[in-house]
Amino acid sequence: MIDLSKTIDLSTTYLGLKLKNPLVASSSPVCEDIGNVRRLEDAGASAVVLHSLFEEQIDHESEELDRYIDAGSEVGAESVTHFPELTRRVMGPEGYLTHIAKCKQSVKIPIIASLNGTSRGGWVSYAKQMEQAGADALELNIYYIPAGPDITGEQVEQKYLDLVTAVKREVKIPVAVKLGPYFSSMANMARKLDATGVNGLVLFNRFYQPDFDLEALEVVPNLILSNSHELLLRLHWIAVLYGNIKADLALTGGVHSHTDVVKAMMAGARVAMMTSALLKRGISYLDTLATELLIWMGEHEYDSIKQMQGSMSRNSAPQTGAFERVNYMKVLSSYAMR
């Protein structure tokens, strides 16, 4: 039997980092444990994005932060209130920096630190400290919900741009920006971010919505793990942006199978990030994904990941209208009543 791992090249590059494959563990509390980071490497992850250090953790005293968490107010993408079985308390700023250093000592794959915040301030200086602790790159996770009716779309965009510029000014390591899809002109916003010199865009953040507890009459955190249906929004925008900006594109949200990884690559992503699939199936599932990816590529005569990257992007599509309004008409007319 032919060893596909020797005939098919799974390598890719992301943020200037050479990766053995496109399978990256995305930011989550799973990465708080060094043992898990080692297991991720052993299972085949090509890089790990650590759990986020939040702006609130840096700006508040630990006692205030504990009350903030216990009150259930934290609804960020990597909030520990959603993962009580993984950790009881958020790792503090100094502990986070130590964790970066220990991870770098424990594994050979790139370690990407994650900084979560929405405003310019002293907390941004921690980007430099993350670099000094040994992080290979930084993911800036902007989790911002403009609830005030007086805030304009232009103000929201400028808030992002100012924050990215401030962080880029602090570090020399590559910086990726993880953001949500809720911009009036996603392509234009991507171009503006690209103009800041950012090295990558991670599409998309999952904005968790609270639920109502009808018995206690309380607003409560609510987490539903992703599924492959969420992939479609990410595929659409990566396929649209590919070739139109310099920054690398990473897909996160909805990656659960080897075919999801293939689709991400064909849209134009450099890497496919995942957490929910690992929470559902275990860290060892990464090895299964890599094997199934190799088999699929062998059956479809692909020699490398690079060969397929961007092959189904908007720039490569014979009918670019498939990504625009004409597709809306086709979808509405495609369903037949049974």
C-alpha atoms as a PDB file:
ATOM      1  CA  MET A   1       0.000   0.000   0.000  1.00  0.00           C
ATOM      2  CA  ILE A   2       1.288   3.453  -0.928  1.00  0.00           C
ATOM      3  CA  ASP A   3       2.066   5.734   2.004  1.00  0.00           C
ATOM      4  CA  LEU A   4       0.012   8.791   1.019  1.00  0.00           C
ATOM      5  CA  SER A   5       1.777  10.952   3.601  1.00  0.00           C
ATOM      6  CA  LYS A   6       4.959  10.581   1.519  1.00  0.00           C
ATOM      7  CA  THR A   7       3.341  11.329  -1.842  1.00  0.00           C
ATOM      8  CA  ILE A   8       0.886  14.074  -0.871  1.00  0.00           C
ATOM      9  CA  ASP A   9       2.041  17.381   0.576  1.00  0.00           C
ATOM     10  CA  LEU A  10      -0.303  18.658   3.280  1.00  0.00           C
ATOM     11  CA  SER A  11       1.896  21.634   4.177  1.00  0.00           C
ATOM     12  CA  THR A  12       0.703  25.223   4.063  1.00  0.00           C
ATOM     13  CA  THR A  13       1.820  28.633   5.272  1.00  0.00           C
ATOM     14  CA  TYR A  14      -0.062  30.950   7.597  1.00  0.00           C
ATOM     15  CA  LEU A  15       1.118  34.296   8.954  1.00  0.00           C
ATOM     16  CA  GLY A  16       4.530  33.531   7.523  1.00  0.00           C
ATOM     17  CA  LEU A  17       4.690  30.291   9.533  1.00  0.00           C
ATOM     18  CA  LYS A  18       5.396  27.024   7.756  1.00  0.00           C
ATOM     19  CA  LEU A  19       2.841  24.461   8.900  1.00  0.00           C
ATOM     20  CA  LYS A  20       2.849  20.704   8.285  1.00  0.00           C
ATOM     21  CA  ASN A  21      -0.886  20.716   7.509  1.00  0.00           C
ATOM     22  CA  PRO A  22      -3.852  23.132   7.587  1.00  0.00           C
ATOM     23  CA  LEU A  23      -5.341  21.717  10.818  1.00  0.00           C
ATOM     24  CA  VAL A  24      -5.104  24.325  13.579  1.00  0.00           C
ATOM     25  CA  ALA A  25      -6.635  24.149  17.043  1.00  0.00           C
ATOM     26  CA  SER A  26      -8.590  27.366  17.500  1.00  0.00           C
ATOM     27  CA  SER A  27      -8.727  29.470  20.639  1.00  0.00           C
ATOM     28  CA  SER A  28     -10.593  27.800  23.500  1.00  0.00           C
ATOM     29  CA  PRO A  29     -10.165  26.832  27.165  1.00  0.00           C
ATOM     30  CA  VAL A  30      -8.925  23.449  25.929  1.00  0.00           C
ATOM     31  CA  CYS A  31      -5.606  25.189  25.360  1.00  0.00           C
ATOM     32  CA  GLU A  32      -5.328  26.328  28.988  1.00  0.00           C
ATOM     33  CA  ASP A  33      -3.826  22.953  29.861  1.00  0.00           C
ATOM     34  CA  ILE A  34      -0.268  22.260  28.694  1.00  0.00           C
ATOM     35  CA  GLY A  35      -1.051  18.556  28.609  1.00  0.00           C
ATOM     36  CA  ASN A  36      -3.803  19.270  26.083  1.00  0.00           C
ATOM     37  CA  VAL A  37      -1.437  21.381  24.001  1.00  0.00           C
ATOM     38  CA  ARG A  38       0.993  18.433  23.888  1.00  0.00           C
ATOM     39  CA  ARG A  39      -1.831  16.087  22.923  1.00  0.00           C
ATOM     40  CA  LEU A  40      -2.915  18.460  20.169  1.00  0.00           C
ATOM     41  CA  GLU A  41       0.591  18.378  18.739  1.00  0.00           C
ATOM     42  CA  ASP A  42       0.777  14.572  19.022  1.00  0.00           C
ATOM     43  CA  ALA A  43      -2.609  14.205  17.301  1.00  0.00           C
ATOM     44  CA  GLY A  44      -1.452  16.269  14.328  1.00  0.00           C
ATOM     45  CA  ALA A  45      -2.330  19.907  14.967  1.00  0.00           C
ATOM     46  CA  SER A  46       0.050  22.111  12.991  1.00  0.00           C
ATOM     47  CA  ALA A  47      -0.394  25.084  15.348  1.00  0.00           C
ATOM     48  CA  VAL A  48      -2.358  26.035  18.437  1.00  0.00           C
ATOM     49  CA  VAL A  49      -4.174  29.290  19.164  1.00  0.00           C
ATOM     50  CA  LEU A  50      -4.241  29.674  22.923  1.00  0.00           C
ATOM     51  CA  HIS A  51      -7.333  30.690  24.858  1.00  0.00           C
ATOM     52  CA  SER A  52      -7.907  34.433  24.970  1.00  0.00           C
ATOM     53  CA  LEU A  53      -6.548  36.879  27.484  1.00  0.00           C
ATOM     54  CA  PHE A  54      -9.388  39.381  27.934  1.00  0.00           C
ATOM     55  CA  GLU A  55      -9.124  43.126  28.217  1.00  0.00           C
ATOM     56  CA  GLU A  56     -11.258  42.885  31.368  1.00  0.00           C
ATOM     57  CA  GLN A  57      -8.762  40.516  32.987  1.00  0.00           C
ATOM     58  CA  ILE A  58      -6.004  43.062  32.581  1.00  0.00           C
ATOM     59  CA  ASP A  59      -7.983  46.155  33.562  1.00  0.00           C
ATOM     60  CA  HIS A  60      -9.664  44.782  36.680  1.00  0.00           C
ATOM     61  CA  GLU A  61      -8.362  43.418  39.955  1.00  0.00           C
ATOM     62  CA  SER A  62      -8.777  39.653  40.305  1.00  0.00           C
ATOM     63  CA  GLU A  63     -11.506  40.026  42.927  1.00  0.00           C
ATOM     64  CA  GLU A  64     -13.516  42.265  40.630  1.00  0.00           C
ATOM     65  CA  LEU A  65     -12.974  39.837  37.763  1.00  0.00           C
ATOM     66  CA  ASP A  66     -14.218  36.919  39.853  1.00  0.00           C
ATOM     67  CA  ARG A  67     -17.425  38.802  40.597  1.00  0.00           C
ATOM     68  CA  TYR A  68     -17.709  39.698  36.903  1.00  0.00           C
ATOM     69  CA  ILE A  69     -17.487  36.032  35.908  1.00  0.00           C
ATOM     70  CA  ASP A  70     -19.698  34.727  38.711  1.00  0.00           C
ATOM     71  CA  ALA A  71     -22.396  37.205  37.742  1.00  0.00           C
ATOM     72  CA  GLY A  72     -22.635  35.542  34.339  1.00  0.00           C
ATOM     73  CA  SER A  73     -21.822  38.705  32.434  1.00  0.00           C
ATOM     74  CA  GLU A  74     -18.969  37.225  30.418  1.00  0.00           C
ATOM     75  CA  VAL A  75     -20.248  36.104  27.037  1.00  0.00           C
ATOM     76  CA  GLY A  76     -17.005  36.267  25.064  1.00  0.00           C
ATOM     77  CA  ALA A  77     -16.045  33.640  22.523  1.00  0.00           C
ATOM     78  CA  GLU A  78     -13.713  31.840  24.930  1.00  0.00           C
ATOM     79  CA  SER A  79     -15.568  32.614  28.165  1.00  0.00           C
ATOM     80  CA  VAL A  80     -15.040  30.064  30.893  1.00  0.00           C
ATOM     81  CA  THR A  81     -18.685  30.301  31.885  1.00  0.00           C
ATOM     82  CA  HIS A  82     -19.400  28.222  28.792  1.00  0.00           C
ATOM     83  CA  PHE A  83     -16.861  25.531  29.744  1.00  0.00           C
ATOM     84  CA  PRO A  84     -17.187  24.891  33.499  1.00  0.00           C
ATOM     85  CA  GLU A  85     -15.758  21.407  33.122  1.00  0.00           C
ATOM     86  CA  LEU A  86     -12.511  22.775  31.705  1.00  0.00           C
ATOM     87  CA  THR A  87     -11.607  25.504  34.179  1.00  0.00           C
ATOM     88  CA  ARG A  88     -12.983  27.253  37.234  1.00  0.00           C
ATOM     89  CA  ARG A  89     -11.166  30.551  36.980  1.00  0.00           C
ATOM     90  CA  VAL A  90      -9.795  32.569  34.114  1.00  0.00           C
ATOM     91  CA  MET A  91      -6.014  32.517  33.959  1.00  0.00           C
ATOM     92  CA  GLY A  92      -4.667  35.935  34.961  1.00  0.00           C
ATOM     93  CA  PRO A  93      -2.359  38.090  32.828  1.00  0.00           C
ATOM     94  CA  GLU A  94       0.900  36.974  34.453  1.00  0.00           C
ATOM     95  CA  GLY A  95      -0.208  33.358  34.405  1.00  0.00           C
ATOM     96  CA  TYR A  96      -1.049  33.715  30.719  1.00  0.00           C
ATOM     97  CA  LEU A  97       2.442  34.953  29.874  1.00  0.00           C
ATOM     98  CA  THR A  98       3.959  32.073  31.851  1.00  0.00           C
ATOM     99  CA  HIS A  99       1.666  29.673  30.001  1.00  0.00           C
ATOM    100  CA  ILE A 100       2.974  30.904  26.643  1.00  0.00           C
ATOM    101  CA  ALA A 101       6.556  30.303  27.746  1.00  0.00           C
ATOM    102  CA  LYS A 102       5.764  26.809  29.059  1.00  0.00           C
ATOM    103  CA  CYS A 103       3.919  25.876  25.859  1.00  0.00           C
ATOM    104  CA  LYS A 104       6.895  26.991  23.791  1.00  0.00           C
ATOM    105  CA  GLN A 105       9.140  24.774  25.904  1.00  0.00           C
ATOM    106  CA  SER A 106       6.785  21.800  25.627  1.00  0.00           C
ATOM    107  CA  VAL A 107       5.959  21.641  21.897  1.00  0.00           C
ATOM    108  CA  LYS A 108       7.596  22.338  18.559  1.00  0.00           C
ATOM    109  CA  ILE A 109       4.530  23.593  16.683  1.00  0.00           C
ATOM    110  CA  PRO A 110       3.809  27.357  16.561  1.00  0.00           C
ATOM    111  CA  ILE A 111       2.008  28.874  19.516  1.00  0.00           C
ATOM    112  CA  ILE A 112      -0.346  31.731  18.652  1.00  0.00           C
ATOM    113  CA  ALA A 113      -1.395  33.916  21.568  1.00  0.00           C
ATOM    114  CA  SER A 114      -4.900  35.387  21.661  1.00  0.00           C
ATOM    115  CA  LEU A 115      -5.773  38.849  22.954  1.00  0.00           C
ATOM    116  CA  ASN A 116      -9.465  39.715  23.284  1.00  0.00           C
ATOM    117  CA  GLY A 117     -10.541  43.324  23.611  1.00  0.00           C
ATOM    118  CA  THR A 118     -12.453  46.175  22.041  1.00  0.00           C
ATOM    119  CA  SER A 119     -10.896  49.460  23.155  1.00  0.00           C
ATOM    120  CA  ARG A 120      -7.538  51.152  22.965  1.00  0.00           C
ATOM    121  CA  GLY A 121      -5.801  51.304  26.326  1.00  0.00           C
ATOM    122  CA  GLY A 122      -2.951  50.108  28.488  1.00  0.00           C
ATOM    123  CA  TRP A 123      -4.019  46.494  28.104  1.00  0.00           C
ATOM    124  CA  VAL A 124      -2.768  46.577  24.495  1.00  0.00           C
ATOM    125  CA  SER A 125       0.813  46.599  25.833  1.00  0.00           C
ATOM    126  CA  TYR A 126       0.301  42.937  26.713  1.00  0.00           C
ATOM    127  CA  ALA A 127       0.665  42.193  23.001  1.00  0.00           C
ATOM    128  CA  LYS A 128       4.352  43.065  23.361  1.00  0.00           C
ATOM    129  CA  GLN A 129       4.646  40.981  26.511  1.00  0.00           C
ATOM    130  CA  MET A 130       3.130  38.013  24.684  1.00  0.00           C
ATOM    131  CA  GLU A 131       5.770  38.428  22.005  1.00  0.00           C
ATOM    132  CA  GLN A 132       8.483  38.559  24.653  1.00  0.00           C
ATOM    133  CA  ALA A 133       7.069  35.414  26.283  1.00  0.00           C
ATOM    134  CA  GLY A 134       7.712  33.562  23.034  1.00  0.00           C
ATOM    135  CA  ALA A 135       4.454  33.646  21.064  1.00  0.00           C
ATOM    136  CA  ASP A 136       5.040  32.986  17.359  1.00  0.00           C
ATOM    137  CA  ALA A 137       2.094  35.145  16.356  1.00  0.00           C
ATOM    138  CA  LEU A 138      -0.855  36.972  17.864  1.00  0.00           C
ATOM    139  CA  GLU A 139      -4.565  36.612  17.158  1.00  0.00           C
ATOM    140  CA  LEU A 140      -6.501  39.751  18.066  1.00  0.00           C
ATOM    141  CA  ASN A 141     -10.021  38.595  18.854  1.00  0.00           C
ATOM    142  CA  ILE A 142     -12.341  41.589  18.570  1.00  0.00           C
ATOM    143  CA  TYR A 143     -15.622  40.601  20.189  1.00  0.00           C
ATOM    144  CA  TYR A 144     -17.652  43.784  20.059  1.00  0.00           C
ATOM    145  CA  ILE A 145     -21.428  44.203  20.002  1.00  0.00           C
ATOM    146  CA  PRO A 146     -22.426  47.854  19.385  1.00  0.00           C
ATOM    147  CA  ALA A 147     -25.699  47.871  21.314  1.00  0.00           C
ATOM    148  CA  GLY A 148     -25.995  51.648  21.618  1.00  0.00           C
ATOM    149  CA  PRO A 149     -28.370  53.148  19.026  1.00  0.00           C
ATOM    150  CA  ASP A 150     -26.198  56.248  18.655  1.00  0.00           C
ATOM    151  CA  ILE A 151     -23.172  54.284  17.446  1.00  0.00           C
ATOM    152  CA  THR A 152     -22.809  54.444  13.669  1.00  0.00           C
ATOM    153  CA  GLY A 153     -21.385  51.789  11.383  1.00  0.00           C
ATOM    154  CA  GLU A 154     -18.519  54.099  10.520  1.00  0.00           C
ATOM    155  CA  GLN A 155     -17.653  54.486  14.204  1.00  0.00           C
ATOM    156  CA  VAL A 156     -17.655  50.721  14.670  1.00  0.00           C
ATOM    157  CA  GLU A 157     -15.301  50.225  11.736  1.00  0.00           C
ATOM    158  CA  GLN A 158     -12.950  52.955  12.962  1.00  0.00           C
ATOM    159  CA  LYS A 159     -12.896  51.337  16.402  1.00  0.00           C
ATOM    160  CA  TYR A 160     -11.630  48.112  14.832  1.00  0.00           C
ATOM    161  CA  LEU A 161      -9.059  49.886  12.692  1.00  0.00           C
ATOM    162  CA  ASP A 162      -7.721  51.969  15.574  1.00  0.00           C
ATOM    163  CA  LEU A 163      -7.384  48.913  17.782  1.00  0.00           C
ATOM    164  CA  VAL A 164      -5.606  46.848  15.121  1.00  0.00           C
ATOM    165  CA  THR A 165      -3.238  49.731  14.407  1.00  0.00           C
ATOM    166  CA  ALA A 166      -2.451  50.078  18.115  1.00  0.00           C
ATOM    167  CA  VAL A 167      -1.674  46.377  18.478  1.00  0.00           C
ATOM    168  CA  LYS A 168       0.402  46.259  15.289  1.00  0.00           C
ATOM    169  CA  ARG A 169       2.453  49.140  16.683  1.00  0.00           C
ATOM    170  CA  GLU A 170       3.333  47.056  19.758  1.00  0.00           C
ATOM    171  CA  VAL A 171       4.749  43.916  18.131  1.00  0.00           C
ATOM    172  CA  LYS A 172       6.938  42.616  15.348  1.00  0.00           C
ATOM    173  CA  ILE A 173       5.431  39.133  15.249  1.00  0.00           C
ATOM    174  CA  PRO A 174       2.582  38.479  12.775  1.00  0.00           C
ATOM    175  CA  VAL A 175      -0.902  39.615  13.824  1.00  0.00           C
ATOM    176  CA  ALA A 176      -4.193  38.087  12.712  1.00  0.00           C
ATOM    177  CA  VAL A 177      -7.589  39.649  13.397  1.00  0.00           C
ATOM    178  CA  LYS A 178     -10.545  37.468  14.313  1.00  0.00           C
ATOM    179  CA  LEU A 179     -13.787  39.270  13.581  1.00  0.00           C
ATOM    180  CA  GLY A 180     -17.468  38.711  12.976  1.00  0.00           C
ATOM    181  CA  PRO A 181     -19.405  38.960   9.707  1.00  0.00           C
ATOM    182  CA  TYR A 182     -21.734  41.801  10.681  1.00  0.00           C
ATOM    183  CA  PHE A 183     -20.391  44.664   8.593  1.00  0.00           C
ATOM    184  CA  SER A 184     -22.453  46.465   5.979  1.00  0.00           C
ATOM    185  CA  SER A 185     -19.643  45.915   3.462  1.00  0.00           C
ATOM    186  CA  MET A 186     -17.518  42.971   4.532  1.00  0.00           C
ATOM    187  CA  ALA A 187     -15.179  43.164   1.547  1.00  0.00           C
ATOM    188  CA  ASN A 188     -14.500  46.862   2.096  1.00  0.00           C
ATOM    189  CA  MET A 189     -13.851  46.317   5.804  1.00  0.00           C
ATOM    190  CA  ALA A 190     -11.452  43.509   4.972  1.00  0.00           C
ATOM    191  CA  ARG A 191      -9.580  45.822   2.620  1.00  0.00           C
ATOM    192  CA  LYS A 192      -9.358  48.525   5.308  1.00  0.00           C
ATOM    193  CA  LEU A 193      -7.981  46.016   7.792  1.00  0.00           C
ATOM    194  CA  ASP A 194      -5.574  44.785   5.149  1.00  0.00           C
ATOM    195  CA  ALA A 195      -4.306  48.344   4.733  1.00  0.00           C
ATOM    196  CA  THR A 196      -3.238  48.397   8.409  1.00  0.00           C
ATOM    197  CA  GLY A 197      -0.636  45.761   7.548  1.00  0.00           C
ATOM    198  CA  VAL A 198      -2.367  42.978   9.441  1.00  0.00           C
ATOM    199  CA  ASN A 199      -1.047  39.557   8.446  1.00  0.00           C
ATOM    200  CA  GLY A 200      -4.223  37.512   8.564  1.00  0.00           C
ATOM    201  CA  LEU A 201      -8.006  37.577   8.911  1.00  0.00           C
ATOM    202  CA  VAL A 202      -9.790  34.836  10.845  1.00  0.00           C
ATOM    203  CA  LEU A 203     -13.376  34.388   9.642  1.00  0.00           C
ATOM    204  CA  PHE A 204     -15.594  34.323  11.600  1.00  0.00           C
ATOM    205  CA  ASN A 205     -16.070  34.852  15.300  1.00  0.00           C
ATOM    206  CA  ARG A 206     -19.162  33.162  16.723  1.00  0.00           C
ATOM    207  CA  PHE A 207     -21.281  35.705  18.595  1.00  0.00           C
ATOM    208  CA  TYR A 208     -22.931  33.805  21.403  1.00  0.00           C
ATOM    209  CA  GLN A 209     -26.463  34.911  22.220  1.00  0.00           C
ATOM    210  CA  PRO A 210     -27.878  34.666  25.749  1.00  0.00           C
ATOM    211  CA  ASP A 211     -31.122  32.801  26.379  1.00  0.00           C
ATOM    212  CA  PHE A 212     -34.056  33.443  28.715  1.00  0.00           C
ATOM    213  CA  ASP A 213     -34.670  31.235  31.736  1.00  0.00           C
ATOM    214  CA  LEU A 214     -38.464  31.470  31.954  1.00  0.00           C
ATOM    215  CA  GLU A 215     -38.682  30.010  35.464  1.00  0.00           C
ATOM    216  CA  ALA A 216     -35.981  32.152  37.090  1.00  0.00           C
ATOM    217  CA  LEU A 217     -36.749  35.082  34.771  1.00  0.00           C
ATOM    218  CA  GLU A 218     -33.060  35.566  34.125  1.00  0.00           C
ATOM    219  CA  VAL A 219     -30.904  36.087  31.078  1.00  0.00           C
ATOM    220  CA  VAL A 220     -28.458  33.180  30.997  1.00  0.00           C
ATOM    221  CA  PRO A 221     -25.396  32.286  28.903  1.00  0.00           C
ATOM    222  CA  ASN A 222     -26.105  29.799  26.144  1.00  0.00           C
ATOM    223  CA  LEU A 223     -23.580  27.772  24.185  1.00  0.00           C
ATOM    224  CA  ILE A 224     -24.343  25.523  21.248  1.00  0.00           C
ATOM    225  CA  LEU A 225     -21.316  23.941  19.612  1.00  0.00           C
ATOM    226  CA  SER A 226     -20.873  24.630  15.926  1.00  0.00           C
ATOM    227  CA  ASN A 227     -21.852  22.299  13.102  1.00  0.00           C
ATOM    228  CA  SER A 228     -20.901  22.016   9.434  1.00  0.00           C
ATOM    229  CA  HIS A 229     -23.838  24.185   8.348  1.00  0.00           C
ATOM    230  CA  GLU A 230     -22.014  27.201   9.786  1.00  0.00           C
ATOM    231  CA  LEU A 231     -19.227  26.611   7.298  1.00  0.00           C
ATOM    232  CA  LEU A 232     -21.197  28.143   4.419  1.00  0.00           C
ATOM    233  CA  LEU A 233     -20.994  31.760   5.568  1.00  0.00           C
ATOM    234  CA  ARG A 234     -17.236  31.393   6.057  1.00  0.00           C
ATOM    235  CA  LEU A 235     -16.748  29.724   2.684  1.00  0.00           C
ATOM    236  CA  HIS A 236     -18.657  32.498   0.953  1.00  0.00           C
ATOM    237  CA  TRP A 237     -16.576  35.356   2.292  1.00  0.00           C
ATOM    238  CA  ILE A 238     -13.226  33.634   2.057  1.00  0.00           C
ATOM    239  CA  ALA A 239     -14.009  32.771  -1.554  1.00  0.00           C
ATOM    240  CA  VAL A 240     -14.939  36.412  -2.200  1.00  0.00           C
ATOM    241  CA  LEU A 241     -11.881  37.865  -0.462  1.00  0.00           C
ATOM    242  CA  TYR A 242      -9.286  35.434  -1.795  1.00  0.00           C
ATOM    243  CA  GLY A 243      -6.899  37.198  -4.161  1.00  0.00           C
ATOM    244  CA  ASN A 244      -8.285  40.637  -3.279  1.00  0.00           C
ATOM    245  CA  ILE A 245      -6.319  41.247  -0.074  1.00  0.00           C
ATOM    246  CA  LYS A 246      -2.746  40.487   0.937  1.00  0.00           C
ATOM    247  CA  ALA A 247      -3.560  39.087   4.384  1.00  0.00           C
ATOM    248  CA  ASP A 248      -3.811  35.319   4.830  1.00  0.00           C
ATOM    249  CA  LEU A 249      -7.292  33.936   5.373  1.00  0.00           C
ATOM    250  CA  ALA A 250      -8.173  31.449   8.103  1.00  0.00           C
ATOM    251  CA  LEU A 251     -11.537  29.721   8.372  1.00  0.00           C
ATOM    252  CA  THR A 252     -12.960  29.044  11.810  1.00  0.00           C
ATOM    253  CA  GLY A 253     -16.432  27.845  12.745  1.00  0.00           C
ATOM    254  CA  GLY A 254     -18.088  24.749  11.325  1.00  0.00           C
ATOM    255  CA  VAL A 255     -15.014  22.627  10.538  1.00  0.00           C
ATOM    256  CA  HIS A 256     -16.013  19.074  11.493  1.00  0.00           C
ATOM    257  CA  SER A 257     -14.901  16.764   8.688  1.00  0.00           C
ATOM    258  CA  HIS A 258     -12.147  16.309   6.130  1.00  0.00           C
ATOM    259  CA  THR A 259     -14.510  17.568   3.419  1.00  0.00           C
ATOM    260  CA  ASP A 260     -15.020  20.750   5.457  1.00  0.00           C
ATOM    261  CA  VAL A 261     -11.240  21.194   5.416  1.00  0.00           C
ATOM    262  CA  VAL A 262     -11.141  20.616   1.649  1.00  0.00           C
ATOM    263  CA  LYS A 263     -13.877  23.196   1.086  1.00  0.00           C
ATOM    264  CA  ALA A 264     -12.025  25.713   3.256  1.00  0.00           C
ATOM    265  CA  MET A 265      -8.856  25.232   1.209  1.00  0.00           C
ATOM    266  CA  MET A 266     -10.668  25.474  -2.113  1.00  0.00           C
ATOM    267  CA  ALA A 267     -12.341  28.698  -1.007  1.00  0.00           C
ATOM    268  CA  GLY A 268      -8.901  30.171  -0.354  1.00  0.00           C
ATOM    269  CA  ALA A 269      -8.147  29.611   3.338  1.00  0.00           C
ATOM    270  CA  ARG A 270      -4.594  28.864   4.433  1.00  0.00           C
ATOM    271  CA  VAL A 271      -5.751  26.968   7.520  1.00  0.00           C
ATOM    272  CA  ALA A 272      -8.924  25.423   8.924  1.00  0.00           C
ATOM    273  CA  MET A 273      -9.366  26.059  12.645  1.00  0.00           C
ATOM    274  CA  MET A 274     -11.507  23.954  14.942  1.00  0.00           C
ATOM    275  CA  THR A 275     -12.644  23.522  18.521  1.00  0.00           C
ATOM    276  CA  SER A 276     -16.206  22.160  18.561  1.00  0.00           C
ATOM    277  CA  ALA A 277     -15.213  19.040  16.605  1.00  0.00           C
ATOM    278  CA  LEU A 278     -12.505  18.307  19.169  1.00  0.00           C
ATOM    279  CA  LEU A 279     -14.862  18.888  22.090  1.00  0.00           C
ATOM    280  CA  LYS A 280     -17.355  16.484  20.546  1.00  0.00           C
ATOM    281  CA  ARG A 281     -14.934  13.777  19.383  1.00  0.00           C
ATOM    282  CA  GLY A 282     -11.776  14.279  21.377  1.00  0.00           C
ATOM    283  CA  ILE A 283      -8.345  15.641  20.548  1.00  0.00           C
ATOM    284  CA  SER A 284      -7.330  12.387  18.816  1.00  0.00           C
ATOM    285  CA  TYR A 285      -9.895  13.184  16.094  1.00  0.00           C
ATOM    286  CA  LEU A 286      -7.244  15.400  14.508  1.00  0.00           C
ATOM    287  CA  ASP A 287      -5.322  12.306  13.460  1.00  0.00           C
ATOM    288  CA  THR A 288      -8.472  10.860  11.863  1.00  0.00           C
ATOM    289  CA  LEU A 289      -9.065  14.106   9.974  1.00  0.00           C
ATOM    290  CA  ALA A 290      -5.514  14.141   8.609  1.00  0.00           C
ATOM    291  CA  THR A 291      -5.806  10.525   7.451  1.00  0.00           C
ATOM    292  CA  GLU A 292      -9.189  11.080   5.797  1.00  0.00           C
ATOM    293  CA  LEU A 293      -7.861  14.236   4.160  1.00  0.00           C
ATOM    294  CA  LEU A 294      -4.946  12.305   2.657  1.00  0.00           C
ATOM    295  CA  ILE A 295      -7.268   9.573   1.376  1.00  0.00           C
ATOM    296  CA  TRP A 296      -9.643  12.097  -0.223  1.00  0.00           C
ATOM    297  CA  MET A 297      -6.778  13.915  -1.912  1.00  0.00           C
ATOM    298  CA  GLY A 298      -5.346  10.656  -3.200  1.00  0.00           C
ATOM    299  CA  GLU A 299      -8.694   9.564  -4.620  1.00  0.00           C
ATOM    300  CA  HIS A 300      -9.143  12.932  -6.336  1.00  0.00           C
ATOM    301  CA  GLU A 301      -5.552  13.144  -7.582  1.00  0.00           C
ATOM    302  CA  TYR A 302      -4.405  16.151  -5.598  1.00  0.00           C
ATOM    303  CA  ASP A 303      -0.672  16.277  -4.920  1.00  0.00           C
ATOM    304  CA  SER A 304      -0.733  19.087  -2.383  1.00  0.00           C
ATOM    305  CA  ILE A 305      -2.859  21.441  -0.318  1.00  0.00           C
ATOM    306  CA  LYS A 306      -1.423  24.384  -2.230  1.00  0.00           C
ATOM    307  CA  GLN A 307      -2.773  22.883  -5.465  1.00  0.00           C
ATOM    308  CA  MET A 308      -6.358  23.258  -4.262  1.00  0.00           C
ATOM    309  CA  GLN A 309      -6.124  26.552  -2.349  1.00  0.00           C
ATOM    310  CA  GLY A 310      -8.359  29.150  -3.956  1.00  0.00           C
ATOM    311  CA  SER A 311      -9.450  26.821  -6.760  1.00  0.00           C
ATOM    312  CA  MET A 312     -13.125  27.553  -6.022  1.00  0.00           C
ATOM    313  CA  SER A 313     -12.755  31.182  -5.012  1.00  0.00           C
ATOM    314  CA  ARG A 314     -14.723  33.943  -6.679  1.00  0.00           C
ATOM    315  CA  ASN A 315     -11.693  34.813  -8.810  1.00  0.00           C
ATOM    316  CA  SER A 316     -11.511  31.249 -10.128  1.00  0.00           C
ATOM    317  CA  ALA A 317     -15.224  30.676 -10.633  1.00  0.00           C
ATOM    318  CA  PRO A 318     -16.399  30.667 -14.276  1.00  0.00           C
ATOM    319  CA  GLN A 319     -19.592  32.365 -13.086  1.00  0.00           C
ATOM    320  CA  THR A 320     -18.802  34.925 -10.404  1.00  0.00           C
ATOM    321  CA  GLY A 321     -22.522  35.592 -10.049  1.00  0.00           C
ATOM    322  CA  ALA A 322     -22.752  32.389  -8.032  1.00  0.00           C
ATOM    323  CA  PHE A 323     -21.405  34.432  -5.123  1.00  0.00           C
ATOM    324  CA  GLU A 324     -23.829  37.284  -5.655  1.00  0.00           C
ATOM    325  CA  ARG A 325     -27.551  37.955  -6.094  1.00  0.00           C
ATOM    326  CA  VAL A 326     -28.165  35.465  -8.891  1.00  0.00           C
ATOM    327  CA  ASN A 327     -27.426  32.669  -6.423  1.00  0.00           C
ATOM    328  CA  TYR A 328     -30.173  34.011  -4.162  1.00  0.00           C
ATOM    329  CA  MET A 329     -32.687  33.525  -6.979  1.00  0.00           C
ATOM    330  CA  LYS A 330     -31.460  30.005  -7.720  1.00  0.00           C
ATOM    331  CA  VAL A 331     -31.669  28.926  -4.105  1.00  0.00           C
ATOM    332  CA  LEU A 332     -35.244  30.178  -3.720  1.00  0.00           C
ATOM    333  CA  SER A 333     -36.349  28.354  -6.850  1.00  0.00           C
ATOM    334  CA  SER A 334     -34.441  25.141  -6.145  1.00  0.00           C
ATOM    335  CA  TYR A 335     -36.653  23.752  -3.398  1.00  0.00           C
ATOM    336  CA  ALA A 336     -39.498  21.558  -4.543  1.00  0.00           C
ATOM    337  CA  MET A 337     -42.527  20.941  -2.317  1.00  0.00           C
ATOM    338  CA  ARG A 338     -42.936  17.301  -1.347  1.00  0.00           C
END
